[in-house]
Amino acid sequence: MRPFLALVMGLAAATAACGGGGNGNDDGRRPDDGRVVGDGRLAPDAAPAPYCTPQHGTNLRLQLVADGLIRPVMVAAPPADPRLFIVEKVGRIRLVKDGLLQPTPFFTIDVQETGLEQGLLGVAFHPQYAVNGRFFVVYISDSSQAEQFDVHVSEFHADPSSDTADGTPEKQILTLPHGNIDNHNGGSIAFGPDGLLYLSLGDRGGANNFAETAQDPTSRDAKILRLDVDGGTPYAIPPGNPWAAGGGVGEMYAWGLRNPWRMSIDPATGDVWIGDVGEGSYEEIDVVRAGAPGSNFGWAVFEGPMCFTDDPDGDLNCDRPQDYVAPVMAYDRRGTGQCAVMGGVVYRGSCMPDLVGRYFFGDYCSGEVRSFPASTGTIAYADTTDHTTDLDPQQLLYGHLVSFTTDGFNEVYISSMQTGAVYRIEVE
């Protein structure tokens, strides 16, 4: 086993790993209508992207939007903001405005990036960023303890109309000790249509569940956390969180994960989609349906559909699969040239109307891009749609694909970390 971003930072020949899934439930949603959120509030319909005329069809292409970047890991933007904010792992957020990469970064921060999965990993803009200028980042730094690392979630501020953050002091939201192993940090951060902030965290690294955090309800590691950054200082525990009243980590929203490197939230339904990077055999896509917080995806009892026996607990509870939420989709990547699932996004934009409601994902080593209907309960890997040959005939993503993220109009972008490029998916 080689750690996940040893793949992401390393070579296409490296090996990496995977984690859990989800099933639908009757939570009152209208399927794929782009409106109903889990708590009953309505999500706004996506504004049409200013750079496209909606085009029917499913033949796709990559449109280069920026290159010459240093290890880009994601794209983000405030709602309906035409600018693109590109996170570089070295500790910068670069800005693309009017189609041009701006020479001055929007934001910089000192990070620890000596490890393969360290650095600045994610950014999320407050839903009311256009009014309050608040944005949140997740990054890795040295700990006050020698040879230790911390995962930080911090808030910053900018004039919403400015192309650079205004340098206001950092407001620490969470500081999470990670120990002395640099991988399995997770690193996704996003606001849901419920207005709450979600964060993905890995199991503290290494191999074979050595830290035993995923099934530990008292540890924040190996979880999806959900915070109310508007309801307290520095945040409040949402009362709908499963352990809000005690019995476990109050911030926990889902658990039993290994390395949820990329997580996204469907703006139409509030479903949380997770690409959980596996140990050595299976990669998986998990879903927390909006009406089912508390989902336990089974690591390290299961890796994908397979009982996992190489951890300190052996095959404990492998005879009780009913206690865990199965993946929506898993694939066996042994001997396939695949190595690490890159969790994706549900398409809710306007440029590609025939693809609305499909979940896009890929694999780092193979560079493949696939999709399937987000409304599905479970799906076999063989039944997903393979867009790779059509989308990327030049194999630009082979060994480089590190994330699928969206802009302020819900259009989909792919980050190619080692080549320093960012592409938009378009209908050709």
Protein backbone atom coordinates (compact mmCIF):
# COMPACT_ATOMS: atom_id res chain seq x y z
CA MET A 1 0.00 0.00 0.00
CA ARG A 2 1.22 3.45 -0.84
CA PRO A 3 -0.59 6.51 0.61
CA PHE A 4 -3.10 8.31 -1.53
CA LEU A 5 -1.38 11.52 -2.47
CA ALA A 6 1.87 9.71 -2.95
CA LEU A 7 -0.15 8.88 -6.01
CA VAL A 8 -1.42 12.37 -6.38
CA MET A 9 2.01 13.93 -5.95
CA GLY A 10 3.93 10.97 -7.24
CA LEU A 11 3.78 8.76 -10.25
CA ALA A 12 1.06 7.05 -12.22
CA ALA A 13 2.66 3.77 -11.24
CA ALA A 14 2.02 4.32 -7.56
CA THR A 15 -0.64 2.44 -5.65
CA ALA A 16 -3.28 3.93 -3.33
CA ALA A 17 -6.55 3.29 -1.56
CA CYS A 18 -10.43 3.57 -0.96
CA GLY A 19 -13.58 3.68 1.40
CA GLY A 20 -17.74 3.57 1.87
CA GLY A 21 -21.27 4.38 0.27
CA GLY A 22 -24.94 5.21 0.62
CA ASN A 23 -28.52 4.39 -0.27
CA GLY A 24 -31.51 6.56 -0.96
CA ASN A 25 -34.39 7.19 1.39
CA ASP A 26 -37.74 8.89 1.30
CA ASP A 27 -36.92 12.34 2.65
CA GLY A 28 -39.51 14.31 0.72
CA ARG A 29 -37.25 15.35 -2.13
CA ARG A 30 -38.47 15.65 -5.67
CA PRO A 31 -35.84 13.80 -7.72
CA ASP A 32 -33.47 15.97 -9.73
CA ASP A 33 -35.66 19.05 -9.78
CA GLY A 34 -32.95 21.33 -8.44
CA ARG A 35 -35.07 22.70 -5.63
CA VAL A 36 -35.67 20.74 -2.45
CA VAL A 37 -33.11 20.79 0.35
CA GLY A 38 -33.04 18.26 3.19
CA ASP A 39 -34.41 20.66 5.81
CA GLY A 40 -37.30 21.77 3.58
CA ARG A 41 -35.79 25.06 2.43
CA LEU A 42 -35.53 25.68 -1.29
CA ALA A 43 -32.22 25.99 -3.07
CA PRO A 44 -32.14 28.71 -5.74
CA ASP A 45 -32.16 27.57 -9.33
CA ALA A 46 -28.72 27.81 -10.92
CA ALA A 47 -28.10 31.07 -12.72
CA PRO A 48 -27.11 30.57 -16.36
CA ALA A 49 -23.36 30.69 -16.90
CA PRO A 50 -22.40 33.93 -18.70
CA TYR A 51 -19.82 32.19 -20.91
CA CYS A 52 -22.04 29.64 -22.65
CA THR A 53 -25.15 29.07 -24.69
CA PRO A 54 -26.80 25.83 -23.50
CA GLN A 55 -25.92 23.07 -25.92
CA HIS A 56 -27.59 19.70 -26.17
CA GLY A 57 -25.55 16.54 -26.57
CA THR A 58 -23.32 14.27 -24.52
CA ASN A 59 -20.08 14.34 -26.53
CA LEU A 60 -17.64 16.23 -24.33
CA ARG A 61 -14.36 18.09 -24.51
CA LEU A 62 -11.86 19.70 -22.15
CA GLN A 63 -11.64 23.48 -22.38
CA LEU A 64 -8.40 24.82 -20.91
CA VAL A 65 -9.11 27.76 -18.60
CA ALA A 66 -5.71 28.21 -16.90
CA ASP A 67 -2.25 26.69 -16.98
CA GLY A 68 1.16 27.52 -15.55
CA LEU A 69 -0.25 26.90 -12.07
CA ILE A 70 1.63 25.28 -9.18
CA ARG A 71 -0.12 22.10 -8.05
CA PRO A 72 -3.76 23.21 -8.42
CA VAL A 73 -6.16 21.04 -6.42
CA MET A 74 -9.57 22.64 -6.91
CA VAL A 75 -11.68 25.46 -8.36
CA ALA A 76 -14.33 27.41 -6.47
CA ALA A 77 -16.35 30.60 -6.69
CA PRO A 78 -19.06 32.41 -4.74
CA PRO A 79 -22.59 31.86 -6.08
CA ALA A 80 -23.11 33.58 -9.47
CA ASP A 81 -19.63 35.16 -9.35
CA PRO A 82 -18.04 34.96 -12.83
CA ARG A 83 -14.51 34.80 -11.40
CA LEU A 84 -12.68 31.52 -10.79
CA PHE A 85 -10.68 30.94 -7.61
CA ILE A 86 -8.07 28.21 -8.04
CA VAL A 87 -6.47 26.64 -4.98
CA GLU A 88 -2.76 25.90 -5.34
CA LYS A 89 -1.45 23.45 -2.78
CA VAL A 90 1.61 25.64 -2.13
CA GLY A 91 -0.60 28.06 -0.18
CA ARG A 92 -2.13 30.37 -2.76
CA ILE A 93 -5.53 31.03 -4.28
CA ARG A 94 -5.16 32.28 -7.85
CA LEU A 95 -7.82 34.25 -9.67
CA VAL A 96 -9.08 33.92 -13.24
CA LYS A 97 -11.01 37.02 -14.28
CA ASP A 98 -12.43 37.73 -17.72
CA GLY A 99 -10.68 34.59 -18.92
CA LEU A 100 -7.22 35.68 -17.74
CA LEU A 101 -5.12 34.32 -14.88
CA GLN A 102 -4.33 37.31 -12.72
CA PRO A 103 -0.66 37.86 -11.74
CA THR A 104 -1.50 38.75 -8.12
CA PRO A 105 -2.91 35.92 -5.99
CA PHE A 106 -6.26 36.47 -4.36
CA PHE A 107 -4.95 34.94 -1.12
CA THR A 108 -1.74 33.49 0.33
CA ILE A 109 -1.03 31.58 3.50
CA ASP A 110 1.96 29.78 5.02
CA VAL A 111 1.42 26.03 4.90
CA GLN A 112 3.31 22.81 5.53
CA GLU A 113 3.75 21.12 2.19
CA THR A 114 6.77 18.88 2.68
CA GLY A 115 4.47 15.86 2.89
CA LEU A 116 2.75 14.47 -0.17
CA GLU A 117 -0.78 15.27 1.04
CA GLN A 118 -0.11 18.54 2.79
CA GLY A 119 -0.56 22.20 1.93
CA LEU A 120 -3.59 24.34 1.19
CA LEU A 121 -6.30 21.81 0.36
CA GLY A 122 -9.62 23.61 -0.02
CA VAL A 123 -11.66 26.82 0.06
CA ALA A 124 -15.37 27.50 0.57
CA PHE A 125 -17.13 30.82 0.12
CA HIS A 126 -19.95 31.71 2.47
CA PRO A 127 -23.36 31.56 0.72
CA GLN A 128 -23.68 35.31 1.44
CA TYR A 129 -20.14 36.13 0.34
CA ALA A 130 -21.41 38.88 -1.95
CA VAL A 131 -22.59 40.68 1.21
CA ASN A 132 -20.25 39.56 4.00
CA GLY A 133 -17.00 38.64 2.22
CA ARG A 134 -16.41 35.58 4.41
CA PHE A 135 -14.45 32.59 3.12
CA PHE A 136 -13.01 29.50 4.77
CA VAL A 137 -9.92 27.42 4.04
CA VAL A 138 -8.51 24.08 5.16
CA TYR A 139 -4.74 23.68 5.30
CA ILE A 140 -1.90 21.78 6.97
CA SER A 141 0.72 23.39 9.21
CA ASP A 142 3.47 22.35 11.58
CA SER A 143 2.22 21.65 15.08
CA SER A 144 3.63 23.22 18.22
CA GLN A 145 4.75 19.68 19.00
CA ALA A 146 7.96 18.61 17.29
CA GLU A 147 7.52 16.60 14.09
CA GLN A 148 3.72 16.79 14.34
CA PHE A 149 1.17 18.28 11.95
CA ASP A 150 -2.17 20.02 12.40
CA VAL A 151 -5.18 20.34 10.12
CA HIS A 152 -6.63 23.85 10.30
CA VAL A 153 -10.00 25.24 9.30
CA SER A 154 -9.89 29.03 9.35
CA GLU A 155 -12.05 31.97 8.32
CA PHE A 156 -10.84 35.03 6.43
CA HIS A 157 -12.47 38.09 4.93
CA ALA A 158 -12.31 40.04 1.70
CA ASP A 159 -14.11 42.93 0.11
CA PRO A 160 -16.54 40.92 -2.06
CA SER A 161 -15.78 43.10 -5.09
CA SER A 162 -12.00 42.99 -4.63
CA ASP A 163 -9.65 40.65 -6.48
CA THR A 164 -7.43 40.30 -3.41
CA ALA A 165 -8.28 39.36 0.18
CA ASP A 166 -7.98 42.31 2.52
CA GLY A 167 -5.53 40.83 5.03
CA THR A 168 -7.84 40.71 8.01
CA PRO A 169 -6.64 38.42 10.81
CA GLU A 170 -7.12 34.67 10.61
CA LYS A 171 -10.02 33.37 12.67
CA GLN A 172 -9.35 29.80 13.74
CA ILE A 173 -12.46 27.62 13.46
CA LEU A 174 -10.89 24.22 14.17
CA THR A 175 -7.36 22.98 14.80
CA LEU A 176 -7.08 19.21 14.58
CA PRO A 177 -3.87 17.42 15.61
CA HIS A 178 -2.91 14.91 12.94
CA GLY A 179 0.17 13.25 14.43
CA ASN A 180 3.41 12.70 12.56
CA ILE A 181 2.14 10.94 9.41
CA ASP A 182 1.49 13.31 6.54
CA ASN A 183 -1.20 11.49 4.54
CA HIS A 184 -4.97 10.89 4.79
CA ASN A 185 -5.85 14.45 5.69
CA GLY A 186 -9.09 14.59 3.71
CA GLY A 187 -9.29 18.24 2.83
CA SER A 188 -12.65 19.08 1.23
CA ILE A 189 -14.64 21.99 2.60
CA ALA A 190 -18.01 23.15 1.29
CA PHE A 191 -21.25 24.85 2.24
CA GLY A 192 -24.43 22.89 1.76
CA PRO A 193 -27.78 24.34 0.65
CA ASP A 194 -28.68 24.22 4.36
CA GLY A 195 -26.14 27.02 4.94
CA LEU A 196 -23.91 24.76 7.07
CA LEU A 197 -20.20 24.11 6.55
CA TYR A 198 -19.03 20.56 5.80
CA LEU A 199 -15.47 19.24 6.16
CA SER A 200 -13.94 15.88 5.20
CA LEU A 201 -11.17 14.36 7.34
CA GLY A 202 -9.10 11.24 6.83
CA ASP A 203 -8.18 8.51 9.32
CA ARG A 204 -4.79 10.01 10.30
CA GLY A 205 -2.74 8.28 7.66
CA GLY A 206 -0.46 5.32 7.42
CA ALA A 207 -1.77 1.94 6.41
CA ASN A 208 -4.22 -0.67 7.67
CA ASN A 209 -6.20 1.61 9.99
CA PHE A 210 -3.30 1.83 12.44
CA ALA A 211 -4.88 4.73 14.38
CA GLU A 212 -8.31 3.02 14.59
CA THR A 213 -10.18 6.31 14.26
CA ALA A 214 -12.84 5.49 11.67
CA GLN A 215 -15.08 3.51 14.05
CA ASP A 216 -14.22 5.65 17.08
CA PRO A 217 -17.17 7.97 17.85
CA THR A 218 -14.94 10.15 20.07
CA SER A 219 -12.50 11.04 17.27
CA ARG A 220 -13.08 13.70 14.61
CA ASP A 221 -10.79 11.82 12.24
CA ALA A 222 -12.23 9.70 9.41
CA LYS A 223 -15.47 11.68 9.51
CA ILE A 224 -17.51 14.23 7.63
CA LEU A 225 -18.04 17.14 10.03
CA ARG A 226 -20.88 19.66 9.86
CA LEU A 227 -20.62 23.08 11.55
CA ASP A 228 -22.86 26.12 11.91
CA VAL A 229 -20.43 29.02 11.44
CA ASP A 230 -23.27 31.54 11.71
CA GLY A 231 -24.69 30.24 14.97
CA GLY A 232 -21.83 30.52 17.44
CA THR A 233 -18.23 31.53 18.13
CA PRO A 234 -16.31 30.10 16.41
CA TYR A 235 -19.21 27.81 15.47
CA ALA A 236 -22.24 25.98 16.85
CA ILE A 237 -23.18 22.30 16.62
CA PRO A 238 -26.19 21.91 14.31
CA PRO A 239 -28.95 20.25 16.35
CA GLY A 240 -29.60 17.80 13.51
CA ASN A 241 -26.13 16.28 13.83
CA PRO A 242 -26.42 12.69 15.09
CA TRP A 243 -24.32 13.22 18.23
CA ALA A 244 -25.28 16.83 18.89
CA ALA A 245 -26.65 15.85 22.31
CA GLY A 246 -23.70 13.62 23.23
CA GLY A 247 -22.46 10.08 22.81
CA GLY A 248 -19.83 11.05 20.27
CA VAL A 249 -18.26 13.93 18.38
CA GLY A 250 -20.89 16.65 18.14
CA GLU A 251 -19.58 17.90 14.81
CA MET A 252 -19.85 14.46 13.16
CA TYR A 253 -22.24 14.11 10.22
CA ALA A 254 -20.97 10.81 8.74
CA TRP A 255 -18.26 8.33 9.72
CA GLY A 256 -16.43 5.13 8.85
CA LEU A 257 -14.25 6.71 6.15
CA ARG A 258 -10.60 6.22 5.21
CA ASN A 259 -9.46 9.19 3.15
CA PRO A 260 -12.35 11.27 1.78
CA TRP A 261 -10.01 13.44 -0.30
CA ARG A 262 -12.81 14.97 -2.34
CA MET A 263 -16.36 15.53 -1.12
CA SER A 264 -19.10 17.62 -2.72
CA ILE A 265 -22.67 18.57 -1.92
CA ASP A 266 -25.45 18.40 -4.48
CA PRO A 267 -26.95 21.93 -4.44
CA ALA A 268 -30.32 20.56 -5.52
CA THR A 269 -30.79 17.88 -2.86
CA GLY A 270 -28.26 18.45 -0.09
CA ASP A 271 -26.86 14.94 -0.60
CA VAL A 272 -23.17 14.69 0.35
CA TRP A 273 -21.09 12.78 -2.21
CA ILE A 274 -17.77 11.31 -1.08
CA GLY A 275 -14.92 9.75 -3.00
CA ASP A 276 -13.21 7.62 -0.37
CA VAL A 277 -9.72 6.47 -1.37
CA GLY A 278 -9.16 2.83 -0.50
CA GLU A 279 -6.36 0.73 0.92
CA GLY A 280 -5.20 -1.54 -1.86
CA SER A 281 -8.14 -3.20 -3.57
CA TYR A 282 -11.35 -1.15 -3.85
CA GLU A 283 -12.21 2.48 -4.54
CA GLU A 284 -15.69 3.69 -3.68
CA ILE A 285 -18.24 6.46 -3.98
CA ASP A 286 -20.37 7.05 -0.89
CA VAL A 287 -23.45 9.22 -0.44
CA VAL A 288 -25.01 10.69 2.68
CA ARG A 289 -28.57 11.33 1.61
CA ALA A 290 -29.90 14.60 3.01
CA GLY A 291 -32.36 12.80 5.27
CA ALA A 292 -29.86 10.28 6.64
CA PRO A 293 -27.12 11.91 8.75
CA GLY A 294 -25.06 9.48 10.79
CA SER A 295 -24.26 7.12 7.93
CA ASN A 296 -21.40 4.75 8.81
CA PHE A 297 -19.55 3.64 5.67
CA GLY A 298 -17.75 0.77 7.31
CA TRP A 299 -14.02 1.43 7.11
CA ALA A 300 -12.04 -0.45 8.37
CA VAL A 301 -14.52 -3.31 8.67
CA PHE A 302 -15.05 -3.15 4.91
CA GLU A 303 -13.06 -1.84 1.99
CA GLY A 304 -15.68 -1.43 -0.71
CA PRO A 305 -17.74 -4.65 -0.63
CA MET A 306 -14.83 -6.69 0.75
CA CYS A 307 -14.21 -7.61 4.37
CA PHE A 308 -10.96 -5.94 5.43
CA THR A 309 -8.80 -8.07 7.71
CA ASP A 310 -5.38 -6.36 7.79
CA ASP A 311 -6.20 -3.85 10.52
CA PRO A 312 -5.76 -4.29 14.30
CA ASP A 313 -9.37 -5.49 14.65
CA GLY A 314 -9.05 -8.24 12.03
CA ASP A 315 -12.43 -9.26 10.67
CA LEU A 316 -14.44 -7.86 13.58
CA ASN A 317 -18.08 -7.23 12.52
CA CYS A 318 -17.58 -8.48 8.95
CA ASP A 319 -20.56 -10.73 9.59
CA ARG A 320 -22.79 -7.66 10.12
CA PRO A 321 -22.84 -5.72 6.82
CA GLN A 322 -26.32 -4.50 7.70
CA ASP A 323 -24.72 -2.19 10.30
CA TYR A 324 -23.03 -0.13 7.60
CA VAL A 325 -24.03 1.89 4.55
CA ALA A 326 -22.86 0.27 1.33
CA PRO A 327 -21.18 2.28 -1.43
CA VAL A 328 -23.32 3.64 -4.23
CA MET A 329 -20.53 2.48 -6.50
CA ALA A 330 -17.23 0.66 -5.95
CA TYR A 331 -14.58 -0.66 -8.29
CA ASP A 332 -11.80 -3.20 -7.90
CA ARG A 333 -8.70 -1.45 -9.19
CA ARG A 334 -6.20 -4.29 -8.74
CA GLY A 335 -4.25 -4.76 -11.95
CA THR A 336 -6.33 -2.20 -13.87
CA GLY A 337 -4.01 0.82 -14.00
CA GLN A 338 -6.36 2.63 -11.63
CA CYS A 339 -5.20 3.66 -8.17
CA ALA A 340 -7.29 6.30 -6.39
CA VAL A 341 -10.85 7.48 -6.87
CA MET A 342 -11.28 11.21 -7.40
CA GLY A 343 -14.67 11.97 -5.96
CA GLY A 344 -16.68 14.30 -8.11
CA VAL A 345 -19.76 16.48 -8.37
CA VAL A 346 -23.38 16.26 -9.42
CA TYR A 347 -23.84 18.46 -12.47
CA ARG A 348 -26.45 21.20 -11.85
CA GLY A 349 -25.33 23.80 -14.37
CA SER A 350 -27.05 25.15 -17.48
CA CYS A 351 -24.44 24.77 -20.26
CA MET A 352 -24.95 21.00 -20.71
CA PRO A 353 -28.70 20.40 -20.25
CA ASP A 354 -28.58 16.72 -21.25
CA LEU A 355 -26.17 15.95 -18.40
CA VAL A 356 -28.02 17.63 -15.54
CA GLY A 357 -28.33 15.29 -12.56
CA ARG A 358 -25.32 13.11 -13.44
CA TYR A 359 -22.49 12.53 -10.99
CA PHE A 360 -19.01 12.90 -12.51
CA PHE A 361 -15.98 11.15 -10.98
CA GLY A 362 -12.64 9.75 -12.07
CA ASP A 363 -9.43 8.00 -11.12
CA TYR A 364 -6.08 9.70 -10.58
CA CYS A 365 -3.79 7.18 -12.25
CA SER A 366 -5.92 6.20 -15.25
CA GLY A 367 -7.18 9.75 -15.80
CA GLU A 368 -10.58 8.36 -16.69
CA VAL A 369 -13.76 10.40 -16.38
CA ARG A 370 -17.09 8.65 -15.81
CA SER A 371 -20.61 9.56 -14.79
CA PHE A 372 -23.91 8.04 -13.67
CA PRO A 373 -27.33 9.38 -12.62
CA ALA A 374 -27.18 10.82 -9.11
CA SER A 375 -30.70 9.57 -8.45
CA THR A 376 -29.56 5.95 -8.60
CA GLY A 377 -29.56 3.83 -5.45
CA THR A 378 -26.54 1.73 -6.36
CA ILE A 379 -24.79 1.12 -9.65
CA ALA A 380 -22.13 -1.26 -10.91
CA TYR A 381 -18.93 0.29 -12.19
CA ALA A 382 -19.47 -1.41 -15.56
CA ASP A 383 -22.80 0.41 -15.90
CA THR A 384 -21.34 3.89 -15.49
CA THR A 385 -20.77 5.98 -18.62
CA ASP A 386 -17.13 6.28 -19.67
CA HIS A 387 -16.40 9.73 -21.15
CA THR A 388 -12.62 9.35 -21.23
CA THR A 389 -11.87 8.70 -24.90
CA ASP A 390 -14.36 11.31 -26.04
CA LEU A 391 -13.39 13.93 -23.46
CA ASP A 392 -9.62 13.46 -23.38
CA PRO A 393 -8.29 11.80 -26.55
CA GLN A 394 -4.84 13.28 -25.88
CA GLN A 395 -4.71 11.72 -22.40
CA LEU A 396 -3.99 15.08 -20.78
CA LEU A 397 -5.42 13.79 -17.49
CA TYR A 398 -3.56 10.47 -17.41
CA GLY A 399 -1.76 10.27 -14.06
CA HIS A 400 -2.75 13.84 -13.13
CA LEU A 401 -6.51 14.10 -12.45
CA VAL A 402 -6.92 15.30 -8.88
CA SER A 403 -10.39 16.84 -8.52
CA PHE A 404 -13.78 17.70 -9.97
CA THR A 405 -15.20 20.97 -8.62
CA THR A 406 -17.64 23.67 -9.73
CA ASP A 407 -17.76 27.41 -10.32
CA GLY A 408 -20.37 29.94 -9.26
CA PHE A 409 -22.77 28.66 -11.94
CA ASN A 410 -22.39 24.94 -11.14
CA GLU A 411 -20.29 24.17 -14.23
CA VAL A 412 -17.69 21.42 -13.78
CA TYR A 413 -13.90 21.83 -13.71
CA ILE A 414 -11.09 19.30 -13.58
CA SER A 415 -7.77 20.11 -11.91
CA SER A 416 -4.62 18.46 -13.27
CA MET A 417 -2.23 18.92 -10.40
CA GLN A 418 1.19 17.97 -11.70
CA THR A 419 0.74 19.61 -15.10
CA GLY A 420 -0.54 22.82 -13.47
CA ALA A 421 -3.69 23.06 -15.59
CA VAL A 422 -7.40 23.53 -15.00
CA TYR A 423 -10.06 22.55 -17.55
CA ARG A 424 -13.82 23.06 -17.87
CA ILE A 425 -15.98 20.20 -19.17
CA GLU A 426 -18.03 21.32 -22.18
CA VAL A 427 -20.24 19.81 -24.85
CA GLU A 428 -18.33 19.74 -28.15
